[in-house]
All heavy atoms as atom14 arrays in JSON, in Angstrom:
{
  "sequence": "SQLHAAGVEIALDDFGTGFASLTHLRRMPIDRIKIDRSFISNLTNSV",
  "atom14_mask": [
    [1, 1, 1, 1, 1, 1, 0, 0, 0, 0, 0, 0, 0, 0],
    [1, 1, 1, 1, 1, 1, 1, 1, 1, 0, 0, 0, 0, 0],
    [1, 1, 1, 1, 1, 1, 1, 1, 0, 0, 0, 0, 0, 0],
    [1, 1, 1, 1, 1, 1, 1, 1, 1, 1, 0, 0, 0, 0],
    [1, 1, 1, 1, 1, 0, 0, 0, 0, 0, 0, 0, 0, 0],
    [1, 1, 1, 1, 1, 0, 0, 0, 0, 0, 0, 0, 0, 0],
    [1, 1, 1, 1, 0, 0, 0, 0, 0, 0, 0, 0, 0, 0],
    [1, 1, 1, 1, 1, 1, 1, 0, 0, 0, 0, 0, 0, 0],
    [1, 1, 1, 1, 1, 1, 1, 1, 1, 0, 0, 0, 0, 0],
    [1, 1, 1, 1, 1, 1, 1, 1, 0, 0, 0, 0, 0, 0],
    [1, 1, 1, 1, 1, 0, 0, 0, 0, 0, 0, 0, 0, 0],
    [1, 1, 1, 1, 1, 1, 1, 1, 0, 0, 0, 0, 0, 0],
    [1, 1, 1, 1, 1, 1, 1, 1, 0, 0, 0, 0, 0, 0],
    [1, 1, 1, 1, 1, 1, 1, 1, 0, 0, 0, 0, 0, 0],
    [1, 1, 1, 1, 1, 1, 1, 1, 1, 1, 1, 0, 0, 0],
    [1, 1, 1, 1, 0, 0, 0, 0, 0, 0, 0, 0, 0, 0],
    [1, 1, 1, 1, 1, 1, 1, 0, 0, 0, 0, 0, 0, 0],
    [1, 1, 1, 1, 0, 0, 0, 0, 0, 0, 0, 0, 0, 0],
    [1, 1, 1, 1, 1, 1, 1, 1, 1, 1, 1, 0, 0, 0],
    [1, 1, 1, 1, 1, 0, 0, 0, 0, 0, 0, 0, 0, 0],
    [1, 1, 1, 1, 1, 1, 0, 0, 0, 0, 0, 0, 0, 0],
    [1, 1, 1, 1, 1, 1, 1, 1, 0, 0, 0, 0, 0, 0],
    [1, 1, 1, 1, 1, 1, 1, 0, 0, 0, 0, 0, 0, 0],
    [1, 1, 1, 1, 1, 1, 1, 1, 1, 1, 0, 0, 0, 0],
    [1, 1, 1, 1, 1, 1, 1, 1, 0, 0, 0, 0, 0, 0],
    [1, 1, 1, 1, 1, 1, 1, 1, 1, 1, 1, 0, 0, 0],
    [1, 1, 1, 1, 1, 1, 1, 1, 1, 1, 1, 0, 0, 0],
    [1, 1, 1, 1, 1, 1, 1, 1, 0, 0, 0, 0, 0, 0],
    [1, 1, 1, 1, 1, 1, 1, 0, 0, 0, 0, 0, 0, 0],
    [1, 1, 1, 1, 1, 1, 1, 1, 0, 0, 0, 0, 0, 0],
    [1, 1, 1, 1, 1, 1, 1, 1, 0, 0, 0, 0, 0, 0],
    [1, 1, 1, 1, 1, 1, 1, 1, 1, 1, 1, 0, 0, 0],
    [1, 1, 1, 1, 1, 1, 1, 1, 0, 0, 0, 0, 0, 0],
    [1, 1, 1, 1, 1, 1, 1, 1, 1, 0, 0, 0, 0, 0],
    [1, 1, 1, 1, 1, 1, 1, 1, 0, 0, 0, 0, 0, 0],
    [1, 1, 1, 1, 1, 1, 1, 1, 0, 0, 0, 0, 0, 0],
    [1, 1, 1, 1, 1, 1, 1, 1, 1, 1, 1, 0, 0, 0],
    [1, 1, 1, 1, 1, 1, 0, 0, 0, 0, 0, 0, 0, 0],
    [1, 1, 1, 1, 1, 1, 1, 1, 1, 1, 1, 0, 0, 0],
    [1, 1, 1, 1, 1, 1, 1, 1, 0, 0, 0, 0, 0, 0],
    [1, 1, 1, 1, 1, 1, 0, 0, 0, 0, 0, 0, 0, 0],
    [1, 1, 1, 1, 1, 1, 1, 1, 0, 0, 0, 0, 0, 0],
    [1, 1, 1, 1, 1, 1, 1, 1, 0, 0, 0, 0, 0, 0],
    [1, 1, 1, 1, 1, 1, 1, 0, 0, 0, 0, 0, 0, 0],
    [1, 1, 1, 1, 1, 1, 1, 1, 0, 0, 0, 0, 0, 0],
    [1, 1, 1, 1, 1, 1, 0, 0, 0, 0, 0, 0, 0, 0],
    [1, 1, 1, 1, 1, 1, 1, 0, 0, 0, 0, 0, 0, 0]
  ],
  "atom14_positions": [
    [[17.18, -33.26, 40.3], [18.65, -33.21, 40.07], [19.0, -32.63, 38.68], [19.99, -31.89, 38.56], [19.27, -34.55, 40.33], [19.06, -35.01, 41.63], [0.0, 0.0, 0.0], [0.0, 0.0, 0.0], [0.0, 0.0, 0.0], [0.0, 0.0, 0.0], [0.0, 0.0, 0.0], [0.0, 0.0, 0.0], [0.0, 0.0, 0.0], [0.0, 0.0, 0.0]],
    [[18.16, -32.96, 37.71], [18.4, -32.36, 36.34], [18.25, -30.88, 36.34], [19.16, -30.21, 35.8], [17.37, -32.99, 35.36], [17.62, -34.43, 34.84], [16.5, -34.77, 33.96], [15.49, -35.27, 34.3], [16.76, -34.56, 32.6], [0.0, 0.0, 0.0], [0.0, 0.0, 0.0], [0.0, 0.0, 0.0], [0.0, 0.0, 0.0], [0.0, 0.0, 0.0]],
    [[17.24, -30.4, 37.03], [17.07, -28.95, 37.07], [18.13, -28.33, 37.93], [18.72, -27.28, 37.43], [15.66, -28.64, 37.74], [14.47, -29.04, 36.93], [13.18, -28.89, 37.76], [14.33, -28.23, 35.69], [0.0, 0.0, 0.0], [0.0, 0.0, 0.0], [0.0, 0.0, 0.0], [0.0, 0.0, 0.0], [0.0, 0.0, 0.0], [0.0, 0.0, 0.0]],
    [[18.58, -28.95, 38.96], [19.59, -28.37, 39.85], [20.9, -28.31, 39.19], [21.65, -27.29, 39.25], [19.67, -29.2, 41.11], [20.49, -28.58, 42.22], [21.82, -28.98, 42.42], [20.28, -27.58, 43.05], [22.27, -28.26, 43.46], [21.37, -27.41, 43.83], [0.0, 0.0, 0.0], [0.0, 0.0, 0.0], [0.0, 0.0, 0.0], [0.0, 0.0, 0.0]],
    [[21.2, -29.33, 38.43], [22.5, -29.4, 37.65], [22.61, -28.28, 36.6], [23.67, -27.87, 36.27], [22.71, -30.79, 37.08], [0.0, 0.0, 0.0], [0.0, 0.0, 0.0], [0.0, 0.0, 0.0], [0.0, 0.0, 0.0], [0.0, 0.0, 0.0], [0.0, 0.0, 0.0], [0.0, 0.0, 0.0], [0.0, 0.0, 0.0], [0.0, 0.0, 0.0]],
    [[21.36, -27.9, 36.11], [21.37, -26.83, 35.09], [21.46, -25.44, 35.68], [21.45, -24.45, 34.93], [20.16, -27.0, 34.23], [0.0, 0.0, 0.0], [0.0, 0.0, 0.0], [0.0, 0.0, 0.0], [0.0, 0.0, 0.0], [0.0, 0.0, 0.0], [0.0, 0.0, 0.0], [0.0, 0.0, 0.0], [0.0, 0.0, 0.0], [0.0, 0.0, 0.0]],
    [[21.33, -25.33, 36.96], [21.48, -23.98, 37.64], [20.23, -23.57, 38.31], [20.17, -22.43, 38.92], [0.0, 0.0, 0.0], [0.0, 0.0, 0.0], [0.0, 0.0, 0.0], [0.0, 0.0, 0.0], [0.0, 0.0, 0.0], [0.0, 0.0, 0.0], [0.0, 0.0, 0.0], [0.0, 0.0, 0.0], [0.0, 0.0, 0.0], [0.0, 0.0, 0.0]],
    [[19.17, -24.35, 38.27], [17.88, -23.98, 38.93], [18.06, -24.17, 40.46], [18.55, -25.16, 40.92], [16.76, -24.86, 38.4], [15.41, -24.49, 39.17], [16.59, -24.68, 36.92], [0.0, 0.0, 0.0], [0.0, 0.0, 0.0], [0.0, 0.0, 0.0], [0.0, 0.0, 0.0], [0.0, 0.0, 0.0], [0.0, 0.0, 0.0], [0.0, 0.0, 0.0]],
    [[17.63, -23.09, 41.19], [17.67, -23.2, 42.62], [16.47, -24.01, 43.06], [15.31, -23.88, 42.54], [17.58, -21.8, 43.22], [17.7, -21.88, 44.76], [17.58, -20.43, 45.35], [16.45, -19.87, 45.26], [18.54, -19.96, 45.97], [0.0, 0.0, 0.0], [0.0, 0.0, 0.0], [0.0, 0.0, 0.0], [0.0, 0.0, 0.0], [0.0, 0.0, 0.0]],
    [[16.68, -24.87, 44.06], [15.59, -25.72, 44.61], [15.32, -25.22, 46.08], [16.19, -25.22, 46.93], [15.94, -27.29, 44.65], [16.55, -27.69, 43.34], [14.75, -28.07, 45.13], [15.52, -27.6, 42.17], [0.0, 0.0, 0.0], [0.0, 0.0, 0.0], [0.0, 0.0, 0.0], [0.0, 0.0, 0.0], [0.0, 0.0, 0.0], [0.0, 0.0, 0.0]],
    [[14.01, -24.94, 46.31], [13.66, -24.47, 47.65], [12.59, -25.42, 48.22], [11.69, -25.94, 47.55], [13.09, -23.05, 47.47], [0.0, 0.0, 0.0], [0.0, 0.0, 0.0], [0.0, 0.0, 0.0], [0.0, 0.0, 0.0], [0.0, 0.0, 0.0], [0.0, 0.0, 0.0], [0.0, 0.0, 0.0], [0.0, 0.0, 0.0], [0.0, 0.0, 0.0]],
    [[12.75, -25.66, 49.52], [11.78, -26.5, 50.29], [10.83, -25.54, 50.96], [11.23, -24.82, 51.96], [12.52, -27.38, 51.24], [11.57, -28.31, 52.02], [10.78, -29.2, 51.13], [12.46, -29.23, 52.96], [0.0, 0.0, 0.0], [0.0, 0.0, 0.0], [0.0, 0.0, 0.0], [0.0, 0.0, 0.0], [0.0, 0.0, 0.0], [0.0, 0.0, 0.0]],
    [[9.57, -25.5, 50.51], [8.63, -24.5, 51.0], [7.86, -25.1, 52.23], [7.86, -26.3, 52.48], [7.55, -24.27, 49.9], [6.82, -22.94, 50.12], [7.14, -22.22, 51.08], [5.86, -22.75, 49.36], [0.0, 0.0, 0.0], [0.0, 0.0, 0.0], [0.0, 0.0, 0.0], [0.0, 0.0, 0.0], [0.0, 0.0, 0.0], [0.0, 0.0, 0.0]],
    [[7.26, -24.21, 53.0], [6.45, -24.62, 54.21], [7.29, -25.44, 55.2], [6.76, -26.38, 55.77], [5.18, -25.33, 53.79], [4.34, -24.46, 52.89], [4.42, -23.19, 53.0], [3.52, -25.0, 52.09], [0.0, 0.0, 0.0], [0.0, 0.0, 0.0], [0.0, 0.0, 0.0], [0.0, 0.0, 0.0], [0.0, 0.0, 0.0], [0.0, 0.0, 0.0]],
    [[8.58, -25.12, 55.33], [9.33, -25.97, 56.21], [8.91, -25.91, 57.65], [8.52, -24.91, 58.15], [10.84, -25.5, 56.16], [11.76, -26.42, 56.86], [12.27, -27.51, 56.21], [12.17, -26.16, 58.21], [13.19, -28.37, 56.93], [12.97, -26.98, 58.88], [13.45, -28.04, 58.24], [0.0, 0.0, 0.0], [0.0, 0.0, 0.0], [0.0, 0.0, 0.0]],
    [[8.85, -27.14, 58.21], [8.44, -27.2, 59.64], [7.03, -27.72, 59.77], [6.6, -28.06, 60.97], [0.0, 0.0, 0.0], [0.0, 0.0, 0.0], [0.0, 0.0, 0.0], [0.0, 0.0, 0.0], [0.0, 0.0, 0.0], [0.0, 0.0, 0.0], [0.0, 0.0, 0.0], [0.0, 0.0, 0.0], [0.0, 0.0, 0.0], [0.0, 0.0, 0.0]],
    [[6.28, -27.85, 58.73], [4.93, -28.35, 58.76], [4.72, -29.8, 58.49], [3.71, -30.37, 58.59], [3.96, -27.57, 57.9], [4.46, -27.69, 56.54], [3.97, -26.06, 58.22], [0.0, 0.0, 0.0], [0.0, 0.0, 0.0], [0.0, 0.0, 0.0], [0.0, 0.0, 0.0], [0.0, 0.0, 0.0], [0.0, 0.0, 0.0], [0.0, 0.0, 0.0]],
    [[5.89, -30.47, 58.04], [5.82, -31.88, 57.72], [6.49, -32.76, 58.73], [6.55, -32.42, 59.88], [0.0, 0.0, 0.0], [0.0, 0.0, 0.0], [0.0, 0.0, 0.0], [0.0, 0.0, 0.0], [0.0, 0.0, 0.0], [0.0, 0.0, 0.0], [0.0, 0.0, 0.0], [0.0, 0.0, 0.0], [0.0, 0.0, 0.0], [0.0, 0.0, 0.0]],
    [[6.93, -33.98, 58.27], [7.36, -35.0, 59.23], [8.75, -35.38, 59.04], [9.42, -35.98, 59.88], [6.48, -36.2, 59.13], [5.04, -35.99, 59.47], [4.12, -35.74, 58.49], [4.67, -35.92, 60.83], [2.78, -35.47, 58.8], [3.33, -35.62, 61.14], [2.38, -35.45, 60.12], [0.0, 0.0, 0.0], [0.0, 0.0, 0.0], [0.0, 0.0, 0.0]],
    [[9.33, -35.16, 57.86], [10.63, -35.69, 57.58], [11.57, -34.7, 56.87], [12.35, -35.06, 56.03], [10.58, -37.01, 56.89], [0.0, 0.0, 0.0], [0.0, 0.0, 0.0], [0.0, 0.0, 0.0], [0.0, 0.0, 0.0], [0.0, 0.0, 0.0], [0.0, 0.0, 0.0], [0.0, 0.0, 0.0], [0.0, 0.0, 0.0], [0.0, 0.0, 0.0]],
    [[11.4, -33.44, 57.15], [12.12, -32.36, 56.47], [13.63, -32.51, 56.57], [14.34, -32.31, 55.58], [11.67, -31.06, 57.0], [10.3, -30.81, 56.73], [0.0, 0.0, 0.0], [0.0, 0.0, 0.0], [0.0, 0.0, 0.0], [0.0, 0.0, 0.0], [0.0, 0.0, 0.0], [0.0, 0.0, 0.0], [0.0, 0.0, 0.0], [0.0, 0.0, 0.0]],
    [[14.14, -32.88, 57.71], [15.61, -32.96, 57.9], [16.19, -34.05, 57.03], [17.24, -33.91, 56.46], [15.95, -33.22, 59.37], [15.58, -32.05, 60.32], [15.93, -32.42, 61.79], [16.34, -30.81, 59.9], [0.0, 0.0, 0.0], [0.0, 0.0, 0.0], [0.0, 0.0, 0.0], [0.0, 0.0, 0.0], [0.0, 0.0, 0.0], [0.0, 0.0, 0.0]],
    [[15.44, -35.14, 56.87], [15.87, -36.26, 55.99], [15.92, -35.73, 54.52], [16.94, -35.96, 53.86], [14.85, -37.43, 56.05], [14.79, -37.89, 57.36], [15.27, -38.52, 55.1], [0.0, 0.0, 0.0], [0.0, 0.0, 0.0], [0.0, 0.0, 0.0], [0.0, 0.0, 0.0], [0.0, 0.0, 0.0], [0.0, 0.0, 0.0], [0.0, 0.0, 0.0]],
    [[14.95, -34.9, 54.1], [15.01, -34.43, 52.76], [16.14, -33.37, 52.55], [16.7, -33.36, 51.48], [13.62, -33.81, 52.45], [12.51, -34.78, 52.5], [11.25, -34.48, 52.95], [12.45, -36.06, 52.17], [10.48, -35.48, 52.89], [11.17, -36.49, 52.39], [0.0, 0.0, 0.0], [0.0, 0.0, 0.0], [0.0, 0.0, 0.0], [0.0, 0.0, 0.0]],
    [[16.42, -32.62, 53.61], [17.49, -31.69, 53.43], [18.85, -32.39, 53.2], [19.66, -31.96, 52.53], [17.67, -30.9, 54.75], [16.6, -29.78, 55.02], [16.9, -29.04, 56.37], [16.74, -28.78, 53.89], [0.0, 0.0, 0.0], [0.0, 0.0, 0.0], [0.0, 0.0, 0.0], [0.0, 0.0, 0.0], [0.0, 0.0, 0.0], [0.0, 0.0, 0.0]],
    [[18.96, -33.53, 53.79], [20.21, -34.35, 53.62], [20.29, -35.07, 52.28], [21.35, -35.16, 51.72], [20.37, -35.33, 54.8], [21.68, -36.04, 54.81], [21.86, -36.93, 56.01], [21.01, -38.14, 55.89], [19.97, -38.44, 56.6], [19.52, -37.55, 57.53], [19.24, -39.5, 56.44], [0.0, 0.0, 0.0], [0.0, 0.0, 0.0], [0.0, 0.0, 0.0]],
    [[19.14, -35.57, 51.79], [19.1, -36.41, 50.65], [18.84, -35.73, 49.31], [19.3, -36.15, 48.26], [18.01, -37.52, 50.83], [18.32, -38.49, 51.96], [17.16, -39.44, 52.17], [16.82, -40.19, 50.99], [15.77, -40.97, 50.87], [14.93, -41.05, 51.86], [15.57, -41.6, 49.75], [0.0, 0.0, 0.0], [0.0, 0.0, 0.0], [0.0, 0.0, 0.0]],
    [[18.17, -34.63, 49.36], [17.75, -33.93, 48.16], [18.61, -32.72, 47.87], [19.16, -32.09, 48.75], [16.28, -33.54, 48.22], [15.32, -34.67, 48.42], [15.38, -35.9, 47.12], [14.81, -34.91, 45.75], [0.0, 0.0, 0.0], [0.0, 0.0, 0.0], [0.0, 0.0, 0.0], [0.0, 0.0, 0.0], [0.0, 0.0, 0.0], [0.0, 0.0, 0.0]],
    [[18.69, -32.31, 46.58], [19.52, -31.11, 46.17], [18.78, -29.78, 46.58], [18.38, -29.05, 45.65], [19.69, -31.31, 44.64], [18.45, -32.01, 44.27], [18.11, -32.95, 45.35], [0.0, 0.0, 0.0], [0.0, 0.0, 0.0], [0.0, 0.0, 0.0], [0.0, 0.0, 0.0], [0.0, 0.0, 0.0], [0.0, 0.0, 0.0], [0.0, 0.0, 0.0]],
    [[18.63, -29.52, 47.75], [17.89, -28.31, 48.23], [18.82, -27.26, 48.6], [19.8, -27.47, 49.39], [16.99, -28.68, 49.44], [15.89, -29.63, 49.04], [16.39, -27.46, 50.04], [15.11, -30.32, 50.19], [0.0, 0.0, 0.0], [0.0, 0.0, 0.0], [0.0, 0.0, 0.0], [0.0, 0.0, 0.0], [0.0, 0.0, 0.0], [0.0, 0.0, 0.0]],
    [[18.62, -25.99, 48.01], [19.45, -24.91, 48.29], [18.85, -23.87, 49.31], [19.65, -23.28, 49.99], [19.65, -24.1, 46.96], [20.22, -24.95, 45.84], [21.38, -25.4, 45.94], [19.47, -25.2, 44.91], [0.0, 0.0, 0.0], [0.0, 0.0, 0.0], [0.0, 0.0, 0.0], [0.0, 0.0, 0.0], [0.0, 0.0, 0.0], [0.0, 0.0, 0.0]],
    [[17.53, -23.88, 49.36], [16.85, -22.82, 50.19], [15.81, -23.46, 51.04], [15.06, -24.37, 50.55], [16.28, -21.77, 49.29], [15.51, -20.68, 49.97], [14.82, -19.82, 49.02], [15.84, -19.1, 48.1], [16.42, -17.94, 48.35], [16.05, -17.25, 49.43], [17.24, -17.41, 47.5], [0.0, 0.0, 0.0], [0.0, 0.0, 0.0], [0.0, 0.0, 0.0]],
    [[15.7, -23.0, 52.25], [14.55, -23.4, 53.13], [13.69, -22.17, 53.39], [14.2, -21.14, 53.72], [15.09, -23.97, 54.43], [15.87, -25.28, 54.24], [13.93, -24.13, 55.5], [16.55, -25.74, 55.49], [0.0, 0.0, 0.0], [0.0, 0.0, 0.0], [0.0, 0.0, 0.0], [0.0, 0.0, 0.0], [0.0, 0.0, 0.0], [0.0, 0.0, 0.0]],
    [[12.36, -22.39, 53.23], [11.41, -21.31, 53.49], [10.63, -21.76, 54.77], [9.92, -22.69, 54.77], [10.46, -21.17, 52.28], [11.14, -20.81, 50.98], [10.3, -20.35, 49.91], [9.74, -19.02, 50.11], [8.92, -18.49, 48.95], [0.0, 0.0, 0.0], [0.0, 0.0, 0.0], [0.0, 0.0, 0.0], [0.0, 0.0, 0.0], [0.0, 0.0, 0.0]],
    [[10.75, -20.92, 55.81], [10.13, -21.17, 57.04], [8.64, -20.78, 56.97], [8.35, -19.61, 56.5], [10.74, -20.39, 58.2], [12.23, -20.79, 58.35], [10.06, -20.7, 59.57], [13.0, -20.01, 59.39], [0.0, 0.0, 0.0], [0.0, 0.0, 0.0], [0.0, 0.0, 0.0], [0.0, 0.0, 0.0], [0.0, 0.0, 0.0], [0.0, 0.0, 0.0]],
    [[7.78, -21.7, 57.25], [6.3, -21.45, 57.1], [5.88, -20.19, 57.9], [6.3, -19.97, 59.01], [5.52, -22.68, 57.51], [4.05, -22.58, 57.17], [3.7, -22.58, 55.96], [3.24, -22.41, 58.14], [0.0, 0.0, 0.0], [0.0, 0.0, 0.0], [0.0, 0.0, 0.0], [0.0, 0.0, 0.0], [0.0, 0.0, 0.0], [0.0, 0.0, 0.0]],
    [[4.9, -19.53, 57.33], [4.37, -18.3, 57.95], [3.75, -18.52, 59.31], [3.67, -17.57, 60.12], [3.39, -17.61, 57.03], [2.1, -18.35, 56.76], [1.17, -17.72, 55.8], [1.75, -17.59, 54.47], [2.12, -16.37, 53.98], [1.94, -15.24, 54.69], [2.66, -16.38, 52.78], [0.0, 0.0, 0.0], [0.0, 0.0, 0.0], [0.0, 0.0, 0.0]],
    [[3.31, -19.76, 59.63], [2.71, -20.03, 60.83], [3.67, -19.85, 62.02], [3.26, -19.57, 63.12], [2.15, -21.46, 60.84], [3.17, -22.37, 60.67], [0.0, 0.0, 0.0], [0.0, 0.0, 0.0], [0.0, 0.0, 0.0], [0.0, 0.0, 0.0], [0.0, 0.0, 0.0], [0.0, 0.0, 0.0], [0.0, 0.0, 0.0], [0.0, 0.0, 0.0]],
    [[4.96, -19.95, 61.77], [6.01, -19.8, 62.8], [6.44, -18.3, 62.91], [7.0, -17.9, 63.88], [7.2, -20.58, 62.51], [6.91, -22.1, 62.55], [6.88, -22.82, 61.37], [6.77, -22.75, 63.77], [6.64, -24.15, 61.43], [6.47, -24.09, 63.81], [6.39, -24.87, 62.66], [0.0, 0.0, 0.0], [0.0, 0.0, 0.0], [0.0, 0.0, 0.0]],
    [[6.13, -17.51, 61.8], [6.6, -16.1, 61.8], [5.54, -15.19, 62.44], [5.89, -14.17, 63.0], [6.89, -15.66, 60.3], [7.96, -16.67, 59.69], [7.35, -14.25, 60.29], [9.25, -16.72, 60.48], [0.0, 0.0, 0.0], [0.0, 0.0, 0.0], [0.0, 0.0, 0.0], [0.0, 0.0, 0.0], [0.0, 0.0, 0.0], [0.0, 0.0, 0.0]],
    [[4.3, -15.49, 62.17], [3.18, -14.69, 62.61], [3.2, -14.29, 64.08], [2.84, -13.14, 64.45], [1.82, -15.24, 62.21], [1.61, -16.46, 62.93], [0.0, 0.0, 0.0], [0.0, 0.0, 0.0], [0.0, 0.0, 0.0], [0.0, 0.0, 0.0], [0.0, 0.0, 0.0], [0.0, 0.0, 0.0], [0.0, 0.0, 0.0], [0.0, 0.0, 0.0]],
    [[3.63, -15.17, 64.95], [3.65, -14.9, 66.39], [5.13, -14.91, 66.94], [5.3, -15.15, 68.15], [2.82, -15.99, 67.04], [2.32, -15.52, 68.41], [2.04, -14.31, 68.63], [2.22, -16.39, 69.38], [0.0, 0.0, 0.0], [0.0, 0.0, 0.0], [0.0, 0.0, 0.0], [0.0, 0.0, 0.0], [0.0, 0.0, 0.0], [0.0, 0.0, 0.0]],
    [[6.02, -14.67, 66.05], [7.43, -14.83, 66.4], [7.82, -13.9, 67.54], [8.54, -14.27, 68.47], [8.29, -14.5, 65.16], [9.79, -14.59, 65.33], [10.22, -16.03, 65.63], [10.5, -14.08, 64.08], [0.0, 0.0, 0.0], [0.0, 0.0, 0.0], [0.0, 0.0, 0.0], [0.0, 0.0, 0.0], [0.0, 0.0, 0.0], [0.0, 0.0, 0.0]],
    [[7.34, -12.69, 67.6], [7.73, -11.64, 68.59], [7.07, -11.92, 69.93], [7.49, -11.31, 70.95], [7.42, -10.26, 68.08], [6.07, -10.16, 67.83], [8.22, -9.88, 66.89], [0.0, 0.0, 0.0], [0.0, 0.0, 0.0], [0.0, 0.0, 0.0], [0.0, 0.0, 0.0], [0.0, 0.0, 0.0], [0.0, 0.0, 0.0], [0.0, 0.0, 0.0]],
    [[6.03, -12.8, 69.97], [5.3, -13.02, 71.23], [5.49, -14.45, 71.77], [5.07, -14.75, 72.91], [3.87, -12.75, 71.02], [3.64, -11.3, 70.61], [4.13, -10.38, 71.19], [2.72, -11.14, 69.57], [0.0, 0.0, 0.0], [0.0, 0.0, 0.0], [0.0, 0.0, 0.0], [0.0, 0.0, 0.0], [0.0, 0.0, 0.0], [0.0, 0.0, 0.0]],
    [[6.0, -15.35, 70.97], [6.01, -16.77, 71.37], [7.5, -17.25, 71.54], [8.26, -17.2, 70.55], [5.29, -17.65, 70.29], [5.54, -19.02, 70.58], [0.0, 0.0, 0.0], [0.0, 0.0, 0.0], [0.0, 0.0, 0.0], [0.0, 0.0, 0.0], [0.0, 0.0, 0.0], [0.0, 0.0, 0.0], [0.0, 0.0, 0.0], [0.0, 0.0, 0.0]],
    [[7.83, -17.65, 72.72], [9.08, -18.23, 72.98], [9.31, -19.49, 72.21], [10.41, -19.76, 71.68], [9.36, -18.51, 74.47], [10.64, -19.14, 74.77], [9.14, -17.2, 75.3], [0.0, 0.0, 0.0], [0.0, 0.0, 0.0], [0.0, 0.0, 0.0], [0.0, 0.0, 0.0], [0.0, 0.0, 0.0], [0.0, 0.0, 0.0], [0.0, 0.0, 0.0]]
  ]
}
């Protein structure tokens, strides 16, 4: 929060590989979500 209040952007990396990401999105000062590469690599072939 100290960093965020000073203007630093906070990004949540590897999103989708953990267990409680939505909770953290709600509780923490997160500005950016980075979708993990494991979901992107087969994006055009996997429904």
